[in-house]
Amino acid sequence: MPRTDTRATRPRAPVVPVLIAAILSLAAGVRLPAAAAAQRLTVKDNLRRAVEVSVPAQRILSLQPEITRIIVALGAGERLVGLDYFIRDNDHLFKIIFPAGQSLPVVSKPDESVNRELVVRLKPDIIFTSPTEQQVPDSIQRSLGIPVLAMASMGSFQGLLAEIELLGKVTGRTERAAELKGYFRQKLASLAEAFLPLEPAGRPRVYLAFWSSLIRTPVSYEPVGLAGGRNVADGLLPSYLGSIGTIVNLEKIIRWDPDIILIQGSFLPKDRIVTVRGVLEDSRLRPVMAVRTGRVHYTFGFWYWWDPACVLAETLYLAKLFHPKRFAAVDIEAEGNAVFKKFYGIDSGFTELTRTLGLDAWTAR
C-alpha cells in the first residue's frame, strides 16, 4: 500500500489538459514480439524490471488486488490459482464481484511473506505482486523460476488503462480489454469536457486523508482533478519508489484551508480510524473552511490499490459532490450500477458495495 514523506511544492501543469492527454494515450511498457504466434511478451513492470512471459497464461497467481480485480473484469477469473490474503479475507468488493474466489488458496500473509511451497504446488505460469514489496519479485523469480511482475496503476488513469491492455494480452482477452478501455476512456472524456471552461478559482480545494490517518495523503489523485477539484497536496513528492503517499503535519492542513476534506471510506464503519464525525468535531481543525461548512465526506480512495469500476463511479460521485448544481440531474446509484454491470456483469453491485460500507448517502438524490 502507498506510504509517505513530505517535500516542498513545485509548479504544476494545468490539470485538465494533462488529464485529457492521459486519457487519450497509454503508457508504453509492453514490447510485442515480431510474430504474435511466438506467444512471448517482454514486459517492463513498475520496478523497471524487464520480464519475459508466455501468453496466454492459463494459471495466474495474483498477490496484487488491483490486478486480481482486472483479471475478473476481463472474464478470466477462472485462471486464478491463488490469492493475496487481503483480497480473500478483507476486500468487501471482491466478495461481490467474484464469489467463487472465496474457495481459492491464500498464498501470502500480512507480513508480506509468501508460502513458496504452496506456490510450487499451484504451478502458476505467472505471478503478480505489488511494487511496494520491492524485494519480493526478484526473490520469488530467482528461487522458483516463475516470471513475476510488480504492477500497480499508482493512482493514474493512464496506468490503469495500460494494465487493462497488458492483462488482456496476458490472458488472451484482448477484445474484452479493448472494450473496457474504450468504455473507461469515454466516461472520463465526457467528464473532462464538462469542466473545460472551469477556471481554477471555480475548482474547490480538496484535502484527502487516506490510509487510516488524518495526516497521510496522496500527492496525486486523478479523480479529484477530473471531477473539477484541486488536490492541495499536488506538487509534493512521495516518500519512496512504489508510493504516491506522503505525511503532512496538522499545521500544513490548516494553512492549506481546504474547501472540502475527503476521508478514505473503503473500510467498514466499525474499522474506520479517521471518521467524518471525528474530523468535524476536532477542535484543532475549526479554522479550516471544510470543517466550518461541514464539507467533510467519505470517498472510496485506494482500497489496496484501485478497482476500475470503483474509480469511474467515484469520479462521477466526486463531480456531483464538488459541483452539485452542475450535476443535479445525475443519479449516482444508477450510474454506478451501470458501471459495475459493464465491468463485472452483475446487477446492483454499486448499491451493494455502498450499503456494505455504510455509504448510503452517496445514492441519495
Protein backbone atom coordinates (compact mmCIF):
# COMPACT_ATOMS: atom_id res chain seq x y z
CA MET A 1 0.00 0.00 0.00
CA PRO A 2 1.24 3.53 -0.72
CA ARG A 3 3.21 5.21 2.10
CA THR A 4 4.73 8.62 2.85
CA ASP A 5 7.25 11.75 3.16
CA THR A 6 6.94 15.47 2.68
CA ARG A 7 8.71 17.90 0.37
CA ALA A 8 8.24 21.44 -0.85
CA THR A 9 5.67 22.10 -3.53
CA ARG A 10 6.68 22.74 -7.13
CA PRO A 11 4.76 24.33 -10.07
CA ARG A 12 2.18 22.07 -11.66
CA ALA A 13 0.96 21.76 -15.22
CA PRO A 14 -2.71 22.69 -15.82
CA VAL A 15 -4.90 19.88 -14.51
CA VAL A 16 -7.45 19.36 -17.30
CA PRO A 17 -5.09 19.27 -20.34
CA VAL A 18 -2.80 16.85 -18.51
CA LEU A 19 -5.70 14.56 -17.61
CA ILE A 20 -7.16 14.64 -21.12
CA ALA A 21 -3.76 13.75 -22.55
CA ALA A 22 -3.54 10.85 -20.11
CA ILE A 23 -7.00 9.61 -21.02
CA LEU A 24 -6.25 9.63 -24.75
CA SER A 25 -2.92 7.82 -24.50
CA LEU A 26 -1.46 4.70 -22.92
CA ALA A 27 1.83 4.27 -21.12
CA ALA A 28 4.47 2.37 -23.04
CA GLY A 29 5.92 -0.64 -21.30
CA VAL A 30 4.84 -3.62 -23.35
CA ARG A 31 7.01 -4.77 -26.26
CA LEU A 32 5.26 -7.22 -28.57
CA PRO A 33 7.27 -9.96 -30.29
CA ALA A 34 7.76 -9.70 -34.04
CA ALA A 35 5.28 -12.51 -34.66
CA ALA A 36 2.23 -12.94 -32.46
CA ALA A 37 2.45 -16.69 -32.97
CA ALA A 38 5.66 -16.75 -30.89
CA GLN A 39 3.48 -16.15 -27.79
CA ARG A 40 6.28 -14.43 -25.89
CA LEU A 41 5.99 -10.98 -24.39
CA THR A 42 8.62 -8.80 -22.70
CA VAL A 43 7.10 -6.50 -20.08
CA LYS A 44 8.67 -3.69 -18.06
CA ASP A 45 6.99 -3.56 -14.65
CA ASN A 46 6.68 -0.69 -12.15
CA LEU A 47 10.06 -1.51 -10.63
CA ARG A 48 11.62 -1.16 -14.11
CA ARG A 49 12.30 -4.89 -14.32
CA ALA A 50 12.14 -6.42 -17.82
CA VAL A 51 10.38 -9.77 -17.56
CA GLU A 52 9.61 -12.24 -20.36
CA VAL A 53 6.31 -14.08 -20.08
CA SER A 54 4.41 -16.67 -22.13
CA VAL A 55 0.93 -15.75 -23.31
CA PRO A 56 -1.86 -16.52 -22.90
CA ALA A 57 -1.24 -17.54 -19.30
CA GLN A 58 -3.53 -20.35 -18.14
CA ARG A 59 -2.61 -20.38 -14.45
CA ILE A 60 -2.27 -16.97 -12.76
CA LEU A 61 -1.25 -16.26 -9.19
CA SER A 62 -2.13 -12.69 -8.25
CA LEU A 63 -0.90 -11.24 -4.96
CA GLN A 64 -1.93 -7.73 -6.11
CA PRO A 65 -5.62 -6.91 -5.54
CA GLU A 66 -5.85 -4.36 -8.37
CA ILE A 67 -4.55 -6.92 -10.86
CA THR A 68 -6.87 -9.60 -9.45
CA ARG A 69 -9.94 -7.41 -9.97
CA ILE A 70 -8.96 -6.55 -13.56
CA ILE A 71 -8.47 -10.25 -14.35
CA VAL A 72 -12.02 -10.87 -13.12
CA ALA A 73 -13.32 -7.92 -15.19
CA LEU A 74 -11.68 -9.46 -18.27
CA GLY A 75 -13.65 -12.65 -17.68
CA ALA A 76 -10.54 -14.66 -16.78
CA GLY A 77 -11.23 -15.20 -13.08
CA GLU A 78 -11.20 -18.96 -13.60
CA ARG A 79 -7.46 -18.69 -14.45
CA LEU A 80 -6.65 -17.58 -10.89
CA VAL A 81 -5.00 -20.33 -8.86
CA GLY A 82 -4.34 -18.37 -5.65
CA LEU A 83 -4.83 -15.02 -3.95
CA ASP A 84 -3.36 -12.42 -1.64
CA TYR A 85 -4.59 -12.70 1.97
CA PHE A 86 -6.16 -9.24 1.82
CA ILE A 87 -8.43 -9.67 -1.16
CA ARG A 88 -9.75 -13.02 0.07
CA ASP A 89 -10.30 -12.06 3.71
CA ASN A 90 -10.83 -8.28 3.81
CA ASP A 91 -11.89 -7.00 0.40
CA HIS A 92 -15.63 -6.31 0.53
CA LEU A 93 -15.75 -5.66 -3.22
CA PHE A 94 -14.15 -8.97 -4.26
CA LYS A 95 -16.82 -10.97 -2.46
CA ILE A 96 -19.43 -9.16 -4.58
CA ILE A 97 -17.79 -9.40 -7.99
CA PHE A 98 -16.29 -12.91 -7.75
CA PRO A 99 -17.84 -15.11 -5.05
CA ALA A 100 -16.03 -18.17 -6.43
CA GLY A 101 -12.75 -16.58 -5.32
CA GLN A 102 -13.53 -17.43 -1.70
CA SER A 103 -12.50 -21.04 -2.38
CA LEU A 104 -9.06 -20.18 -3.79
CA PRO A 105 -5.98 -20.83 -1.61
CA VAL A 106 -4.32 -17.87 0.13
CA VAL A 107 -0.62 -17.66 -0.63
CA SER A 108 0.52 -14.54 1.23
CA LYS A 109 0.38 -13.20 4.79
CA PRO A 110 0.02 -9.69 6.26
CA ASP A 111 3.78 -9.55 6.88
CA GLU A 112 4.25 -9.81 3.07
CA SER A 113 5.71 -13.30 3.33
CA VAL A 114 4.77 -15.85 0.65
CA ASN A 115 4.21 -19.60 1.11
CA ARG A 116 6.64 -20.74 -1.58
CA GLU A 117 5.92 -24.42 -1.14
CA LEU A 118 2.27 -23.71 -1.89
CA VAL A 119 3.26 -21.60 -4.90
CA VAL A 120 5.21 -24.55 -6.32
CA ARG A 121 2.22 -26.86 -5.85
CA LEU A 122 -0.10 -24.38 -7.61
CA LYS A 123 2.18 -24.30 -10.69
CA PRO A 124 1.38 -20.75 -11.89
CA ASP A 125 2.55 -19.56 -15.32
CA ILE A 126 2.93 -16.02 -13.99
CA ILE A 127 2.81 -14.21 -10.62
CA PHE A 128 1.75 -10.62 -9.95
CA THR A 129 2.89 -8.69 -6.86
CA SER A 130 2.68 -5.09 -5.61
CA PRO A 131 5.56 -2.67 -6.34
CA THR A 132 5.65 -1.68 -2.65
CA GLU A 133 7.11 -5.12 -1.90
CA GLN A 134 10.32 -4.23 -3.69
CA GLN A 135 12.42 -7.27 -2.79
CA VAL A 136 9.69 -9.87 -3.34
CA PRO A 137 9.54 -10.11 -7.16
CA ASP A 138 13.24 -10.86 -7.76
CA SER A 139 13.37 -13.15 -4.74
CA ILE A 140 10.46 -15.30 -5.92
CA GLN A 141 11.57 -15.30 -9.55
CA ARG A 142 15.12 -16.37 -8.67
CA SER A 143 14.09 -19.11 -6.25
CA LEU A 144 11.16 -20.56 -8.18
CA GLY A 145 11.95 -19.73 -11.80
CA ILE A 146 8.47 -18.28 -12.39
CA PRO A 147 8.01 -14.89 -14.11
CA VAL A 148 6.98 -12.23 -11.54
CA LEU A 149 5.61 -8.79 -12.42
CA ALA A 150 5.30 -5.96 -9.87
CA MET A 151 2.40 -3.90 -11.19
CA ALA A 152 0.10 -1.10 -10.00
CA SER A 153 -1.52 1.90 -11.66
CA MET A 154 -0.07 4.20 -8.97
CA GLY A 155 -3.27 6.25 -8.91
CA SER A 156 -3.02 7.03 -12.63
CA PHE A 157 -5.86 6.62 -15.15
CA GLN A 158 -3.24 6.08 -17.83
CA GLY A 159 -1.58 3.40 -15.72
CA LEU A 160 -4.90 1.65 -15.14
CA LEU A 161 -5.64 1.60 -18.87
CA ALA A 162 -2.16 0.25 -19.56
CA GLU A 163 -2.76 -2.56 -17.05
CA ILE A 164 -6.06 -3.50 -18.67
CA GLU A 165 -4.32 -3.66 -22.05
CA LEU A 166 -1.42 -5.71 -20.71
CA LEU A 167 -3.64 -8.15 -18.84
CA GLY A 168 -5.75 -8.55 -21.96
CA LYS A 169 -2.61 -9.79 -23.71
CA VAL A 170 -1.52 -11.98 -20.80
CA THR A 171 -4.92 -13.68 -20.60
CA GLY A 172 -5.66 -13.70 -24.33
CA ARG A 173 -8.70 -11.45 -23.74
CA THR A 174 -7.57 -8.58 -25.95
CA GLU A 175 -11.03 -7.83 -27.37
CA ARG A 176 -12.57 -7.59 -23.91
CA ALA A 177 -9.66 -5.39 -22.78
CA ALA A 178 -10.22 -3.05 -25.74
CA GLU A 179 -13.95 -2.90 -24.91
CA LEU A 180 -13.30 -1.94 -21.28
CA LYS A 181 -10.62 0.60 -22.21
CA GLY A 182 -12.96 2.26 -24.71
CA TYR A 183 -15.75 2.45 -22.14
CA PHE A 184 -13.41 3.81 -19.47
CA ARG A 185 -11.99 6.48 -21.78
CA GLN A 186 -15.42 7.57 -22.98
CA LYS A 187 -16.67 8.06 -19.42
CA LEU A 188 -13.62 10.05 -18.37
CA ALA A 189 -13.56 12.13 -21.55
CA SER A 190 -17.18 13.21 -21.05
CA LEU A 191 -16.33 14.41 -17.54
CA ALA A 192 -13.20 16.22 -18.73
CA GLU A 193 -15.22 18.06 -21.35
CA ALA A 194 -17.74 19.16 -18.72
CA PHE A 195 -15.02 21.09 -16.88
CA LEU A 196 -13.06 22.56 -19.82
CA PRO A 197 -14.43 26.10 -19.26
CA LEU A 198 -13.88 25.93 -15.50
CA GLU A 199 -11.17 28.24 -14.20
CA PRO A 200 -9.02 27.27 -11.17
CA ALA A 201 -10.99 29.63 -8.94
CA GLY A 202 -14.11 27.60 -9.65
CA ARG A 203 -12.48 24.35 -8.51
CA PRO A 204 -12.77 23.57 -4.79
CA ARG A 205 -9.53 22.95 -2.89
CA VAL A 206 -9.58 19.36 -1.63
CA TYR A 207 -7.56 17.59 1.05
CA LEU A 208 -7.55 13.77 1.17
CA ALA A 209 -6.97 11.85 4.42
CA PHE A 210 -6.13 8.29 3.34
CA TRP A 211 -4.76 5.08 4.83
CA SER A 212 -6.36 5.41 8.27
CA SER A 213 -4.57 8.64 9.11
CA LEU A 214 -5.59 12.28 9.07
CA ILE A 215 -2.09 13.33 8.02
CA ARG A 216 -1.33 10.71 5.34
CA THR A 217 -2.32 11.99 1.91
CA PRO A 218 -1.77 11.11 -1.75
CA VAL A 219 0.37 13.57 -3.70
CA SER A 220 -1.66 12.69 -6.77
CA TYR A 221 -5.26 11.53 -7.03
CA GLU A 222 -6.62 12.00 -10.52
CA PRO A 223 -10.34 11.51 -9.71
CA VAL A 224 -10.22 14.81 -7.80
CA GLY A 225 -8.82 16.78 -10.74
CA LEU A 226 -11.12 15.21 -13.32
CA ALA A 227 -14.14 15.82 -11.08
CA GLY A 228 -13.41 19.53 -11.08
CA GLY A 229 -11.42 19.87 -7.86
CA ARG A 230 -7.83 20.69 -6.85
CA ASN A 231 -5.83 18.38 -4.61
CA VAL A 232 -3.98 20.72 -2.25
CA ALA A 233 -1.15 18.17 -1.93
CA ASP A 234 -0.41 18.20 -5.67
CA GLY A 235 3.25 19.05 -6.09
CA LEU A 236 4.57 17.24 -3.02
CA LEU A 237 6.88 14.28 -3.56
CA PRO A 238 6.04 10.75 -2.38
CA SER A 239 8.07 9.03 0.28
CA TYR A 240 9.69 6.39 -1.90
CA LEU A 241 9.54 4.42 -5.16
CA GLY A 242 6.30 2.46 -5.36
CA SER A 243 4.34 5.00 -3.30
CA ILE A 244 2.20 8.06 -4.07
CA GLY A 245 1.65 9.00 -0.43
CA THR A 246 3.29 11.42 1.97
CA ILE A 247 2.85 12.68 5.54
CA VAL A 248 1.98 16.29 6.34
CA ASN A 249 1.51 17.98 9.69
CA LEU A 250 -1.72 19.45 11.03
CA GLU A 251 -0.42 22.99 10.66
CA LYS A 252 0.04 22.47 6.93
CA ILE A 253 -3.56 21.28 6.54
CA ILE A 254 -4.75 24.39 8.38
CA ARG A 255 -2.60 26.63 6.15
CA TRP A 256 -3.99 24.94 3.03
CA ASP A 257 -7.50 25.67 4.37
CA PRO A 258 -9.26 23.21 2.01
CA ASP A 259 -12.85 23.76 0.96
CA ILE A 260 -13.51 20.00 1.15
CA ILE A 261 -11.91 17.15 3.11
CA LEU A 262 -12.24 13.60 1.78
CA ILE A 263 -11.69 10.61 4.04
CA GLN A 264 -11.00 7.11 2.76
CA GLY A 265 -14.29 5.30 3.24
CA SER A 266 -13.46 1.86 1.88
CA PHE A 267 -13.28 0.40 5.40
CA LEU A 268 -16.30 -0.94 7.24
CA PRO A 269 -17.69 1.71 9.62
CA LYS A 270 -16.52 -0.25 12.67
CA ASP A 271 -12.95 -0.36 11.30
CA ARG A 272 -12.53 3.33 10.48
CA ILE A 273 -9.90 5.15 12.49
CA VAL A 274 -10.50 8.52 10.83
CA THR A 275 -14.19 9.41 10.55
CA VAL A 276 -16.26 12.29 9.21
CA ARG A 277 -17.66 12.95 12.66
CA GLY A 278 -14.22 12.87 14.26
CA VAL A 279 -12.84 15.44 11.81
CA LEU A 280 -15.87 17.72 12.21
CA GLU A 281 -15.51 17.59 16.00
CA ASP A 282 -11.71 18.06 16.05
CA SER A 283 -11.20 21.43 17.74
CA ARG A 284 -7.77 21.80 16.11
CA LEU A 285 -9.43 21.92 12.68
CA ARG A 286 -12.07 24.54 13.47
CA PRO A 287 -10.31 27.24 11.39
CA VAL A 288 -10.49 25.05 8.25
CA MET A 289 -13.18 26.02 5.74
CA ALA A 290 -14.26 22.40 5.13
CA VAL A 291 -14.93 21.92 8.84
CA ARG A 292 -16.68 25.26 9.26
CA THR A 293 -19.05 24.50 6.38
CA GLY A 294 -19.49 20.78 7.11
CA ARG A 295 -17.97 19.69 3.79
CA VAL A 296 -16.21 16.58 5.11
CA HIS A 297 -17.10 13.39 3.24
CA TYR A 298 -16.07 9.80 2.60
CA THR A 299 -14.73 8.63 -0.74
CA PHE A 300 -13.52 5.19 -1.88
CA GLY A 301 -9.84 6.09 -2.16
CA PHE A 302 -7.26 3.35 -2.54
CA TRP A 303 -8.60 0.04 -1.30
CA TYR A 304 -5.35 -1.85 -1.60
CA TRP A 305 -4.79 -0.17 -4.93
CA TRP A 306 -7.64 0.56 -7.30
CA ASP A 307 -10.63 -1.08 -8.96
CA PRO A 308 -11.60 0.21 -12.42
CA ALA A 309 -15.36 0.18 -11.77
CA CYS A 310 -14.97 1.90 -8.40
CA VAL A 311 -12.73 4.56 -9.94
CA LEU A 312 -15.33 5.54 -12.52
CA ALA A 313 -18.21 5.57 -10.03
CA GLU A 314 -16.12 7.52 -7.51
CA THR A 315 -15.07 10.15 -10.04
CA LEU A 316 -18.68 10.78 -11.00
CA TYR A 317 -19.68 10.94 -7.34
CA LEU A 318 -16.94 13.49 -6.64
CA ALA A 319 -18.05 15.60 -9.60
CA LYS A 320 -21.55 15.81 -8.11
CA LEU A 321 -20.12 16.44 -4.63
CA PHE A 322 -17.87 19.29 -5.84
CA HIS A 323 -20.42 20.82 -8.25
CA PRO A 324 -23.91 19.85 -7.07
CA LYS A 325 -25.78 22.30 -9.31
CA ARG A 326 -23.96 21.25 -12.46
CA PHE A 327 -24.65 17.55 -11.78
CA ALA A 328 -28.01 17.85 -10.03
CA ALA A 329 -29.74 15.53 -12.52
CA VAL A 330 -27.15 12.74 -12.25
CA ASP A 331 -28.37 9.59 -10.48
CA ILE A 332 -25.19 8.29 -8.85
CA GLU A 333 -26.73 4.94 -7.89
CA ALA A 334 -27.99 4.22 -11.41
CA GLU A 335 -24.69 5.34 -12.99
CA GLY A 336 -22.61 3.34 -10.51
CA ASN A 337 -24.65 0.18 -11.06
CA ALA A 338 -24.31 0.57 -14.83
CA VAL A 339 -20.52 0.80 -14.48
CA PHE A 340 -20.40 -2.33 -12.30
CA LYS A 341 -22.62 -4.14 -14.81
CA LYS A 342 -20.24 -3.26 -17.62
CA PHE A 343 -17.12 -4.43 -15.80
CA TYR A 344 -18.42 -7.38 -13.80
CA GLY A 345 -21.76 -8.37 -15.34
CA ILE A 346 -23.58 -8.04 -12.02
CA ASP A 347 -26.72 -6.14 -11.12
CA SER A 348 -26.76 -3.57 -8.31
CA GLY A 349 -23.07 -4.08 -7.49
CA PHE A 350 -22.51 -0.43 -6.64
CA THR A 351 -25.61 -0.37 -4.43
CA GLU A 352 -24.45 -3.46 -2.56
CA LEU A 353 -20.93 -2.08 -2.03
CA THR A 354 -22.05 1.34 -0.77
CA ARG A 355 -24.53 -0.25 1.63
CA THR A 356 -21.87 -2.66 2.91
CA LEU A 357 -19.56 0.31 3.58
CA GLY A 358 -22.30 2.47 5.09
CA LEU A 359 -22.08 5.00 2.27
CA ASP A 360 -25.80 5.13 1.55
CA ALA A 361 -25.64 8.93 1.38
CA TRP A 362 -23.89 8.56 -1.98
CA THR A 363 -27.07 7.27 -3.55
CA ALA A 364 -29.35 9.97 -2.11
CA ARG A 365 -30.78 12.19 -4.82
